């Protein structure tokens, strides 16, 4: 089986990822963005739609931080989530859950669907917190 780095390189070869030197400043900014959004996502005074989008955006920021830590970028939001198995060894069920949330986010933003599934929001927040721990475990860029 090939390594996570080889998987990322293969995605670069087929044009799904672009190599770009990682930046500690960018990484830190993405992690900080997630840290600011997660508490807001837990605020039940906000609408479920807002809470879902905040939690999803926090997860996406963390996933992008992990990808950037490895020296890659993608123009497709969904790829950033789908490579979590390679960037932070995230379990398949969890990155697929986040990918499903990406589809729900698109339906809410582009199709006007309302979102009020409190259980899903709680699960999204919990998975995002797990992702936050995994991204923090990467350490400083270049380590």
N, C-alpha and C. Protein backbone atom coordinates (compact mmCIF):
# COMPACT_ATOMS: atom_id res chain seq x y z
N UNK A 1 0.84 -1.18 0.00
CA UNK A 1 0.00 0.00 0.00
C UNK A 1 0.89 1.25 0.00
N UNK A 2 0.47 2.26 -0.69
CA UNK A 2 1.29 3.46 -0.79
C UNK A 2 1.06 4.37 0.42
N UNK A 3 2.05 5.19 0.68
CA UNK A 3 1.99 6.10 1.82
C UNK A 3 1.02 7.25 1.55
N UNK A 4 0.69 7.95 2.63
CA UNK A 4 -0.19 9.11 2.51
C UNK A 4 0.43 10.14 1.57
N UNK A 5 1.75 10.35 1.70
CA UNK A 5 2.41 11.33 0.83
C UNK A 5 2.32 10.91 -0.64
N UNK A 6 2.47 9.63 -0.90
CA UNK A 6 2.34 9.13 -2.28
C UNK A 6 0.93 9.35 -2.81
N UNK A 7 -0.07 9.15 -1.94
CA UNK A 7 -1.46 9.38 -2.36
C UNK A 7 -1.67 10.85 -2.73
N UNK A 8 -1.12 11.75 -1.93
CA UNK A 8 -1.24 13.17 -2.23
C UNK A 8 -0.50 13.52 -3.54
N UNK A 9 0.67 12.93 -3.73
CA UNK A 9 1.42 13.16 -4.97
C UNK A 9 0.64 12.64 -6.18
N UNK A 10 -0.03 11.50 -6.04
CA UNK A 10 -0.83 10.96 -7.13
C UNK A 10 -1.99 11.90 -7.47
N UNK A 11 -2.60 12.48 -6.45
CA UNK A 11 -3.68 13.44 -6.71
C UNK A 11 -3.14 14.70 -7.38
N UNK A 12 -1.91 15.06 -7.09
CA UNK A 12 -1.29 16.19 -7.77
C UNK A 12 -1.07 15.85 -9.25
N UNK A 13 -0.60 14.64 -9.51
CA UNK A 13 -0.33 14.22 -10.89
C UNK A 13 -1.57 14.27 -11.77
N UNK A 14 -2.74 13.98 -11.18
CA UNK A 14 -3.96 13.99 -11.99
C UNK A 14 -4.70 15.33 -11.91
N UNK A 15 -4.06 16.33 -11.29
CA UNK A 15 -4.60 17.68 -11.28
C UNK A 15 -5.62 17.99 -10.20
N UNK A 16 -5.80 17.10 -9.24
CA UNK A 16 -6.75 17.36 -8.15
C UNK A 16 -6.13 18.22 -7.05
N UNK A 17 -4.82 18.18 -6.93
CA UNK A 17 -4.09 19.00 -5.96
C UNK A 17 -3.00 19.76 -6.67
N UNK A 18 -2.62 20.89 -6.08
CA UNK A 18 -1.49 21.67 -6.57
C UNK A 18 -0.46 21.76 -5.45
N UNK A 19 0.79 21.52 -5.79
CA UNK A 19 1.85 21.66 -4.80
C UNK A 19 2.11 23.14 -4.57
N UNK A 20 2.23 23.50 -3.31
CA UNK A 20 2.52 24.89 -2.94
C UNK A 20 3.18 24.85 -1.56
N UNK A 21 4.33 25.49 -1.43
CA UNK A 21 5.01 25.43 -0.13
C UNK A 21 4.08 25.84 1.01
N UNK A 22 4.12 25.09 2.11
CA UNK A 22 3.25 25.43 3.24
C UNK A 22 3.72 26.70 3.93
N UNK A 23 2.79 27.35 4.58
CA UNK A 23 3.07 28.60 5.30
C UNK A 23 2.55 28.45 6.73
N UNK A 24 3.42 28.68 7.69
CA UNK A 24 3.00 28.60 9.09
C UNK A 24 1.93 29.65 9.38
N UNK A 25 2.08 30.83 8.79
CA UNK A 25 1.10 31.91 9.00
C UNK A 25 -0.27 31.51 8.48
N UNK A 26 -0.32 30.94 7.29
CA UNK A 26 -1.59 30.50 6.72
C UNK A 26 -2.19 29.37 7.56
N UNK A 27 -1.36 28.39 7.92
CA UNK A 27 -1.80 27.28 8.75
C UNK A 27 -2.41 27.80 10.05
N UNK A 28 -1.68 28.68 10.74
CA UNK A 28 -2.16 29.23 12.00
C UNK A 28 -3.47 30.00 11.82
N UNK A 29 -3.59 30.74 10.73
CA UNK A 29 -4.81 31.49 10.46
C UNK A 29 -6.01 30.59 10.24
N UNK A 30 -5.80 29.50 9.53
CA UNK A 30 -6.89 28.55 9.30
C UNK A 30 -7.33 27.88 10.59
N UNK A 31 -6.36 27.50 11.41
CA UNK A 31 -6.67 26.88 12.71
C UNK A 31 -7.40 27.88 13.60
N UNK A 32 -6.95 29.12 13.62
CA UNK A 32 -7.59 30.15 14.44
C UNK A 32 -9.02 30.42 13.96
N UNK A 33 -9.22 30.41 12.66
CA UNK A 33 -10.56 30.60 12.11
C UNK A 33 -11.52 29.53 12.66
N UNK A 34 -11.06 28.30 12.67
CA UNK A 34 -11.89 27.21 13.20
C UNK A 34 -12.14 27.40 14.70
N UNK A 35 -11.12 27.82 15.42
CA UNK A 35 -11.27 28.04 16.87
C UNK A 35 -12.31 29.11 17.17
N UNK A 36 -12.42 30.10 16.31
CA UNK A 36 -13.41 31.16 16.52
C UNK A 36 -14.81 30.69 16.15
N UNK A 37 -14.92 29.85 15.14
CA UNK A 37 -16.24 29.45 14.65
C UNK A 37 -16.89 28.34 15.48
N UNK A 38 -16.10 27.43 16.01
CA UNK A 38 -16.68 26.31 16.75
C UNK A 38 -17.52 26.74 17.95
N UNK A 39 -17.06 27.65 18.80
CA UNK A 39 -17.92 28.08 19.91
C UNK A 39 -19.22 28.72 19.42
N UNK A 40 -19.15 29.46 18.33
CA UNK A 40 -20.36 30.06 17.77
C UNK A 40 -21.32 28.98 17.27
N UNK A 41 -20.78 27.91 16.70
CA UNK A 41 -21.61 26.81 16.21
C UNK A 41 -22.35 26.12 17.36
N UNK A 42 -21.78 26.19 18.55
CA UNK A 42 -22.41 25.58 19.73
C UNK A 42 -23.44 26.49 20.39
N UNK A 43 -23.54 27.71 19.93
CA UNK A 43 -24.45 28.69 20.52
C UNK A 43 -25.88 28.42 20.03
N UNK A 44 -26.69 27.82 20.89
CA UNK A 44 -28.06 27.45 20.49
C UNK A 44 -28.99 28.65 20.32
N UNK A 45 -28.52 29.85 20.66
CA UNK A 45 -29.32 31.04 20.40
C UNK A 45 -29.32 31.38 18.91
N UNK A 46 -28.35 30.85 18.18
CA UNK A 46 -28.29 31.06 16.73
C UNK A 46 -29.20 30.06 16.02
N UNK A 47 -29.55 30.40 14.81
CA UNK A 47 -30.40 29.49 14.03
C UNK A 47 -29.64 28.21 13.68
N UNK A 48 -30.36 27.11 13.49
CA UNK A 48 -29.69 25.88 13.08
C UNK A 48 -28.90 26.04 11.78
N UNK A 49 -29.46 26.78 10.83
CA UNK A 49 -28.74 27.03 9.57
C UNK A 49 -27.38 27.67 9.83
N UNK A 50 -27.37 28.70 10.66
CA UNK A 50 -26.12 29.40 10.96
C UNK A 50 -25.14 28.49 11.69
N UNK A 51 -25.65 27.74 12.64
CA UNK A 51 -24.79 26.85 13.42
C UNK A 51 -24.17 25.77 12.52
N UNK A 52 -24.96 25.23 11.61
CA UNK A 52 -24.45 24.21 10.70
C UNK A 52 -23.34 24.79 9.83
N UNK A 53 -23.59 25.96 9.24
CA UNK A 53 -22.60 26.58 8.36
C UNK A 53 -21.33 26.92 9.14
N UNK A 54 -21.46 27.42 10.36
CA UNK A 54 -20.28 27.73 11.17
C UNK A 54 -19.48 26.47 11.47
N UNK A 55 -20.16 25.38 11.84
CA UNK A 55 -19.46 24.13 12.15
C UNK A 55 -18.81 23.56 10.89
N UNK A 56 -19.53 23.61 9.77
CA UNK A 56 -18.95 23.12 8.51
C UNK A 56 -17.73 23.96 8.13
N UNK A 57 -17.85 25.27 8.23
CA UNK A 57 -16.73 26.14 7.87
C UNK A 57 -15.52 25.88 8.76
N UNK A 58 -15.75 25.60 10.04
CA UNK A 58 -14.64 25.27 10.95
C UNK A 58 -13.97 23.98 10.50
N UNK A 59 -14.77 22.98 10.17
CA UNK A 59 -14.21 21.70 9.70
C UNK A 59 -13.42 21.90 8.41
N UNK A 60 -13.95 22.69 7.50
CA UNK A 60 -13.25 22.93 6.24
C UNK A 60 -11.94 23.68 6.47
N UNK A 61 -11.95 24.66 7.35
CA UNK A 61 -10.71 25.40 7.65
C UNK A 61 -9.64 24.46 8.21
N UNK A 62 -10.05 23.56 9.09
CA UNK A 62 -9.10 22.60 9.66
C UNK A 62 -8.59 21.63 8.60
N UNK A 63 -9.48 21.16 7.75
CA UNK A 63 -9.07 20.24 6.68
C UNK A 63 -8.11 20.93 5.72
N UNK A 64 -8.38 22.19 5.40
CA UNK A 64 -7.49 22.94 4.53
C UNK A 64 -6.14 23.18 5.22
N UNK A 65 -6.17 23.45 6.50
CA UNK A 65 -4.92 23.62 7.25
C UNK A 65 -4.06 22.36 7.15
N UNK A 66 -4.70 21.20 7.30
CA UNK A 66 -3.96 19.93 7.21
C UNK A 66 -3.37 19.74 5.82
N UNK A 67 -4.15 20.05 4.80
CA UNK A 67 -3.65 19.91 3.43
C UNK A 67 -2.50 20.87 3.18
N UNK A 68 -2.64 22.12 3.64
CA UNK A 68 -1.57 23.10 3.46
C UNK A 68 -0.31 22.71 4.24
N UNK A 69 -0.48 22.08 5.39
CA UNK A 69 0.66 21.61 6.18
C UNK A 69 1.51 20.66 5.36
N UNK A 70 0.86 19.87 4.51
CA UNK A 70 1.56 18.90 3.67
C UNK A 70 2.09 19.52 2.38
N UNK A 71 1.78 20.80 2.14
CA UNK A 71 2.31 21.48 0.97
C UNK A 71 1.46 21.35 -0.28
N UNK A 72 0.15 21.24 -0.09
CA UNK A 72 -0.77 21.14 -1.22
C UNK A 72 -1.95 22.08 -1.03
N UNK A 73 -2.62 22.33 -2.13
CA UNK A 73 -3.83 23.14 -2.17
C UNK A 73 -4.76 22.53 -3.22
N UNK A 74 -6.06 22.74 -3.05
CA UNK A 74 -7.02 22.28 -4.04
C UNK A 74 -8.01 23.39 -4.33
N UNK A 75 -8.44 23.45 -5.57
CA UNK A 75 -9.46 24.42 -5.94
C UNK A 75 -10.86 23.90 -5.65
N UNK A 76 -10.98 22.61 -5.34
CA UNK A 76 -12.27 21.99 -5.07
C UNK A 76 -12.42 21.77 -3.56
N UNK A 77 -13.44 22.35 -2.98
CA UNK A 77 -13.67 22.24 -1.53
C UNK A 77 -13.80 20.79 -1.08
N UNK A 78 -14.48 19.99 -1.86
CA UNK A 78 -14.72 18.60 -1.44
C UNK A 78 -13.43 17.79 -1.34
N UNK A 79 -12.46 18.08 -2.17
CA UNK A 79 -11.19 17.35 -2.14
C UNK A 79 -10.49 17.55 -0.80
N UNK A 80 -10.57 18.75 -0.27
CA UNK A 80 -9.93 19.08 1.00
C UNK A 80 -10.42 18.14 2.11
N UNK A 81 -11.71 17.80 2.05
CA UNK A 81 -12.30 16.89 3.03
C UNK A 81 -11.96 15.43 2.71
N UNK A 82 -11.98 15.10 1.44
CA UNK A 82 -11.76 13.71 1.04
C UNK A 82 -10.33 13.24 1.24
N UNK A 83 -9.38 14.14 1.36
CA UNK A 83 -7.99 13.72 1.57
C UNK A 83 -7.62 13.67 3.06
N UNK A 84 -8.58 13.87 3.93
CA UNK A 84 -8.28 13.81 5.37
C UNK A 84 -7.68 12.47 5.80
N UNK A 85 -8.02 11.41 5.10
CA UNK A 85 -7.41 10.10 5.41
C UNK A 85 -5.90 10.16 5.21
N UNK A 86 -5.45 10.99 4.29
CA UNK A 86 -4.03 11.09 3.97
C UNK A 86 -3.33 12.21 4.74
N UNK A 87 -4.05 13.27 5.07
CA UNK A 87 -3.40 14.40 5.72
C UNK A 87 -3.31 14.26 7.23
N UNK A 88 -4.34 13.64 7.85
CA UNK A 88 -4.32 13.47 9.32
C UNK A 88 -4.77 12.06 9.74
N UNK A 89 -4.76 11.12 8.79
CA UNK A 89 -5.17 9.73 9.08
C UNK A 89 -6.57 9.68 9.70
N UNK A 90 -7.46 10.54 9.19
CA UNK A 90 -8.83 10.57 9.70
C UNK A 90 -9.57 9.34 9.21
N UNK A 91 -10.35 8.68 10.09
CA UNK A 91 -11.07 7.47 9.69
C UNK A 91 -12.03 7.74 8.53
N UNK A 92 -12.19 6.75 7.69
CA UNK A 92 -13.04 6.87 6.49
C UNK A 92 -14.45 7.34 6.84
N UNK A 93 -15.05 6.74 7.85
CA UNK A 93 -16.42 7.11 8.22
C UNK A 93 -16.52 8.58 8.59
N UNK A 94 -15.48 9.12 9.19
CA UNK A 94 -15.54 10.52 9.63
C UNK A 94 -15.33 11.49 8.47
N UNK A 95 -14.37 11.19 7.56
CA UNK A 95 -14.22 12.13 6.45
C UNK A 95 -15.41 12.02 5.50
N UNK A 96 -16.01 10.83 5.40
CA UNK A 96 -17.23 10.70 4.57
C UNK A 96 -18.40 11.47 5.19
N UNK A 97 -18.48 11.45 6.51
CA UNK A 97 -19.50 12.24 7.19
C UNK A 97 -19.31 13.72 6.85
N UNK A 98 -18.08 14.21 6.92
CA UNK A 98 -17.80 15.61 6.58
C UNK A 98 -18.11 15.90 5.12
N UNK A 99 -17.83 14.93 4.25
CA UNK A 99 -18.15 15.09 2.83
C UNK A 99 -19.67 15.17 2.64
N UNK A 100 -20.42 14.38 3.39
CA UNK A 100 -21.88 14.45 3.34
C UNK A 100 -22.35 15.83 3.82
N UNK A 101 -21.72 16.34 4.85
CA UNK A 101 -22.07 17.68 5.33
C UNK A 101 -21.76 18.73 4.26
N UNK A 102 -20.72 18.49 3.47
CA UNK A 102 -20.40 19.40 2.36
C UNK A 102 -21.57 19.43 1.38
N UNK A 103 -22.13 18.25 1.07
CA UNK A 103 -23.27 18.19 0.16
C UNK A 103 -24.48 18.93 0.75
N UNK A 104 -24.71 18.76 2.03
CA UNK A 104 -25.82 19.46 2.70
C UNK A 104 -25.58 20.97 2.71
N UNK A 105 -24.33 21.37 2.91
CA UNK A 105 -23.99 22.79 2.86
C UNK A 105 -24.30 23.37 1.49
N UNK A 106 -23.93 22.63 0.43
CA UNK A 106 -24.21 23.10 -0.93
C UNK A 106 -25.71 23.21 -1.16
N UNK A 107 -26.47 22.24 -0.69
CA UNK A 107 -27.92 22.28 -0.86
C UNK A 107 -28.51 23.50 -0.14
N UNK A 108 -27.98 23.80 1.04
CA UNK A 108 -28.47 24.96 1.79
C UNK A 108 -28.11 26.27 1.09
N UNK A 109 -26.87 26.36 0.61
CA UNK A 109 -26.42 27.62 0.00
C UNK A 109 -26.93 27.83 -1.41
N UNK A 110 -26.98 26.77 -2.20
CA UNK A 110 -27.29 26.94 -3.62
C UNK A 110 -28.71 26.56 -4.00
N UNK A 111 -29.36 25.74 -3.18
CA UNK A 111 -30.72 25.30 -3.50
C UNK A 111 -31.75 25.86 -2.53
N UNK A 112 -31.30 26.64 -1.56
CA UNK A 112 -32.22 27.27 -0.63
C UNK A 112 -32.86 26.32 0.38
N UNK A 113 -32.28 25.14 0.55
CA UNK A 113 -32.85 24.21 1.51
C UNK A 113 -32.58 24.69 2.93
N UNK A 114 -33.58 24.58 3.78
CA UNK A 114 -33.42 24.95 5.19
C UNK A 114 -32.80 23.78 5.93
N UNK A 115 -32.10 24.12 6.97
CA UNK A 115 -31.41 23.09 7.72
C UNK A 115 -31.76 23.22 9.20
N UNK A 116 -32.32 22.15 9.78
CA UNK A 116 -32.70 22.23 11.19
C UNK A 116 -32.48 20.91 11.94
N UNK A 117 -31.55 20.12 11.50
CA UNK A 117 -31.27 18.81 12.10
C UNK A 117 -30.28 18.99 13.24
N UNK A 118 -30.79 19.15 14.46
CA UNK A 118 -29.95 19.41 15.63
C UNK A 118 -28.97 18.27 15.90
N UNK A 119 -29.41 17.03 15.70
CA UNK A 119 -28.53 15.90 15.95
C UNK A 119 -27.33 15.93 15.00
N UNK A 120 -27.58 16.24 13.74
CA UNK A 120 -26.49 16.32 12.77
C UNK A 120 -25.52 17.45 13.13
N UNK A 121 -26.06 18.56 13.57
CA UNK A 121 -25.21 19.69 13.97
C UNK A 121 -24.31 19.26 15.14
N UNK A 122 -24.87 18.58 16.12
CA UNK A 122 -24.08 18.10 17.25
C UNK A 122 -22.99 17.14 16.79
N UNK A 123 -23.34 16.24 15.88
CA UNK A 123 -22.34 15.29 15.35
C UNK A 123 -21.25 16.02 14.59
N UNK A 124 -21.65 17.01 13.79
CA UNK A 124 -20.68 17.78 13.02
C UNK A 124 -19.72 18.51 13.96
N UNK A 125 -20.24 19.09 15.01
CA UNK A 125 -19.38 19.78 15.98
C UNK A 125 -18.42 18.79 16.63
N UNK A 126 -18.92 17.62 17.01
CA UNK A 126 -18.07 16.61 17.66
C UNK A 126 -16.96 16.13 16.72
N UNK A 127 -17.30 15.85 15.46
CA UNK A 127 -16.29 15.39 14.50
C UNK A 127 -15.29 16.51 14.21
N UNK A 128 -15.77 17.73 14.16
CA UNK A 128 -14.88 18.87 13.93
C UNK A 128 -13.90 19.03 15.09
N UNK A 129 -14.35 18.79 16.30
CA UNK A 129 -13.44 18.85 17.45
C UNK A 129 -12.39 17.74 17.37
N UNK A 130 -12.78 16.58 16.90
CA UNK A 130 -11.80 15.50 16.71
C UNK A 130 -10.79 15.89 15.64
N UNK A 131 -11.27 16.52 14.58
CA UNK A 131 -10.37 16.98 13.53
C UNK A 131 -9.43 18.05 14.06
N UNK A 132 -9.92 18.90 14.93
CA UNK A 132 -9.09 19.95 15.53
C UNK A 132 -7.92 19.32 16.29
N UNK A 133 -8.18 18.26 17.02
CA UNK A 133 -7.12 17.56 17.76
C UNK A 133 -6.12 16.94 16.79
N UNK A 134 -6.63 16.33 15.73
CA UNK A 134 -5.75 15.69 14.74
C UNK A 134 -4.86 16.71 14.04
N UNK A 135 -5.41 17.87 13.72
CA UNK A 135 -4.63 18.92 13.05
C UNK A 135 -3.59 19.48 14.02
N UNK A 136 -3.96 19.69 15.27
CA UNK A 136 -3.00 20.18 16.26
C UNK A 136 -1.83 19.21 16.44
N UNK A 137 -2.11 17.91 16.29
CA UNK A 137 -1.07 16.90 16.45
C UNK A 137 -0.04 16.94 15.32
N UNK A 138 -0.35 17.61 14.22
CA UNK A 138 0.63 17.73 13.13
C UNK A 138 1.85 18.51 13.59
N UNK A 139 1.65 19.43 14.50
CA UNK A 139 2.76 20.27 14.96
C UNK A 139 3.01 21.42 14.02
N UNK A 140 4.11 22.12 14.23
CA UNK A 140 4.44 23.27 13.37
C UNK A 140 4.68 22.83 11.92
N UNK A 141 4.39 23.72 11.00
CA UNK A 141 4.66 23.45 9.59
C UNK A 141 6.14 23.15 9.41
N UNK A 142 6.43 22.11 8.65
CA UNK A 142 7.81 21.76 8.38
C UNK A 142 8.41 20.80 9.40
N UNK A 143 7.62 20.39 10.37
CA UNK A 143 8.18 19.49 11.39
C UNK A 143 8.06 18.03 10.98
